[in-house]
Protein backbone atom coordinates (compact mmCIF):
# COMPACT_ATOMS: atom_id res chain seq x y z
CA MET A 1 -0.26 -0.07 0.01
CA ILE A 2 1.12 3.62 -0.45
CA GLN A 3 0.14 6.82 1.11
CA LEU A 4 -2.20 7.86 -1.66
CA GLU A 5 -4.01 4.41 -1.29
CA ALA A 6 -4.27 4.60 2.35
CA LYS A 7 -5.78 8.34 2.30
CA GLU A 8 -8.53 6.68 -0.08
CA ILE A 9 -9.66 4.24 1.93
CA ILE A 10 -9.75 6.50 4.93
CA GLU A 11 -11.98 9.22 2.98
CA GLN A 12 -14.04 6.39 1.42
CA GLU A 13 -14.71 4.51 4.66
CA LYS A 14 -15.08 7.86 6.78
CA LEU A 15 -12.36 6.37 9.30
CA LYS A 16 -11.55 8.67 12.36
CA ARG A 17 -9.34 8.60 15.17
CA TYR A 18 -6.19 8.52 13.71
CA ASN A 19 -2.95 10.79 13.48
CA TRP A 20 -1.11 10.46 10.03
CA PHE A 21 2.82 11.20 10.56
CA ASN A 22 2.33 13.47 13.77
CA GLU A 23 -0.14 15.77 11.91
CA HIS A 24 -1.40 16.81 15.42
CA PRO A 25 -0.56 16.09 19.37
CA HIS A 26 -1.57 12.99 20.79
CA ARG A 27 -5.27 12.54 21.04
CA GLU A 28 -7.20 9.88 23.54
CA ASN A 29 -7.98 6.54 21.78
CA GLU A 30 -6.58 7.07 18.21
CA VAL A 31 -4.10 5.16 16.03
CA GLY A 32 -1.05 6.80 14.95
CA ILE A 33 1.72 6.25 12.22
CA ARG A 34 4.91 7.79 12.46
CA VAL A 35 8.62 7.32 11.01
CA ASP A 36 11.15 6.59 13.63
CA GLY A 37 14.52 7.17 11.94
CA VAL A 38 14.50 4.17 9.05
CA GLN A 39 11.64 2.55 10.39
CA TRP A 40 7.68 3.09 10.42
CA ALA A 41 5.82 2.69 13.70
CA VAL A 42 2.16 2.02 14.30
CA TYR A 43 0.74 2.44 17.74
CA VAL A 44 -2.44 3.48 19.76
CA THR A 45 -2.92 5.75 22.42
CA ASP A 46 -5.28 5.65 25.25
CA GLU A 47 -7.65 7.28 27.39
CA ARG A 48 -4.93 9.51 28.49
CA ALA A 49 -3.98 10.24 24.97
CA SER A 50 -0.74 8.40 25.92
CA VAL A 51 1.17 6.12 23.76
CA VAL A 52 0.35 2.48 24.84
CA THR A 53 4.09 1.33 24.64
CA ALA A 54 2.74 -2.43 24.33
CA SER A 55 0.78 -1.11 21.32
CA ILE A 56 4.28 -0.27 19.07
CA THR A 57 4.83 -2.03 16.10
CA LYS A 58 7.57 -1.29 13.88
CA PHE A 59 8.40 -1.76 10.48
CA ASN A 60 11.00 -1.92 7.86
CA ASN A 61 8.93 -0.86 5.06
CA GLU A 62 6.31 2.21 4.54
CA SER A 63 3.80 -0.80 2.85
CA ASP A 64 3.44 -2.90 5.70
CA ALA A 65 2.97 -0.10 8.06
CA LEU A 66 0.41 1.55 6.10
CA ASP A 67 -1.24 -1.82 5.71
CA ASN A 68 -1.19 -2.53 9.88
CA PHE A 69 -2.05 1.08 10.31
CA ILE A 70 -5.44 0.39 8.07
CA ILE A 71 -6.52 -2.49 10.02
CA ARG A 72 -6.12 -0.68 13.20
CA ILE A 73 -8.12 2.10 12.16
CA ARG A 74 -10.83 -0.18 10.90
CA THR A 75 -10.83 -1.76 14.35
CA GLU A 76 -10.95 1.51 16.34
CA LYS A 77 -13.98 2.67 14.19
CA LEU A 78 -16.01 -0.75 15.50
CA LEU A 79 -15.13 -0.01 18.86
CA PHE A 80 -16.21 3.59 19.30
């Protein structure tokens, strides 16, 4: 998956509760994606907007990270 595809999915499915490459400060109960050096990290935040350390998954390529990011946002949509 590439960024354009991920953005299209987010728009088409009206997905919410996400932080796209640190576009805003952490908010409560959201899924985030960021670049940490040469790795991509996907994570979730808790009810206090803190990153849940155990939720962080790191990837060596953007495509796999974006796939995981979309899966997690879809899960959040079902929960909230």
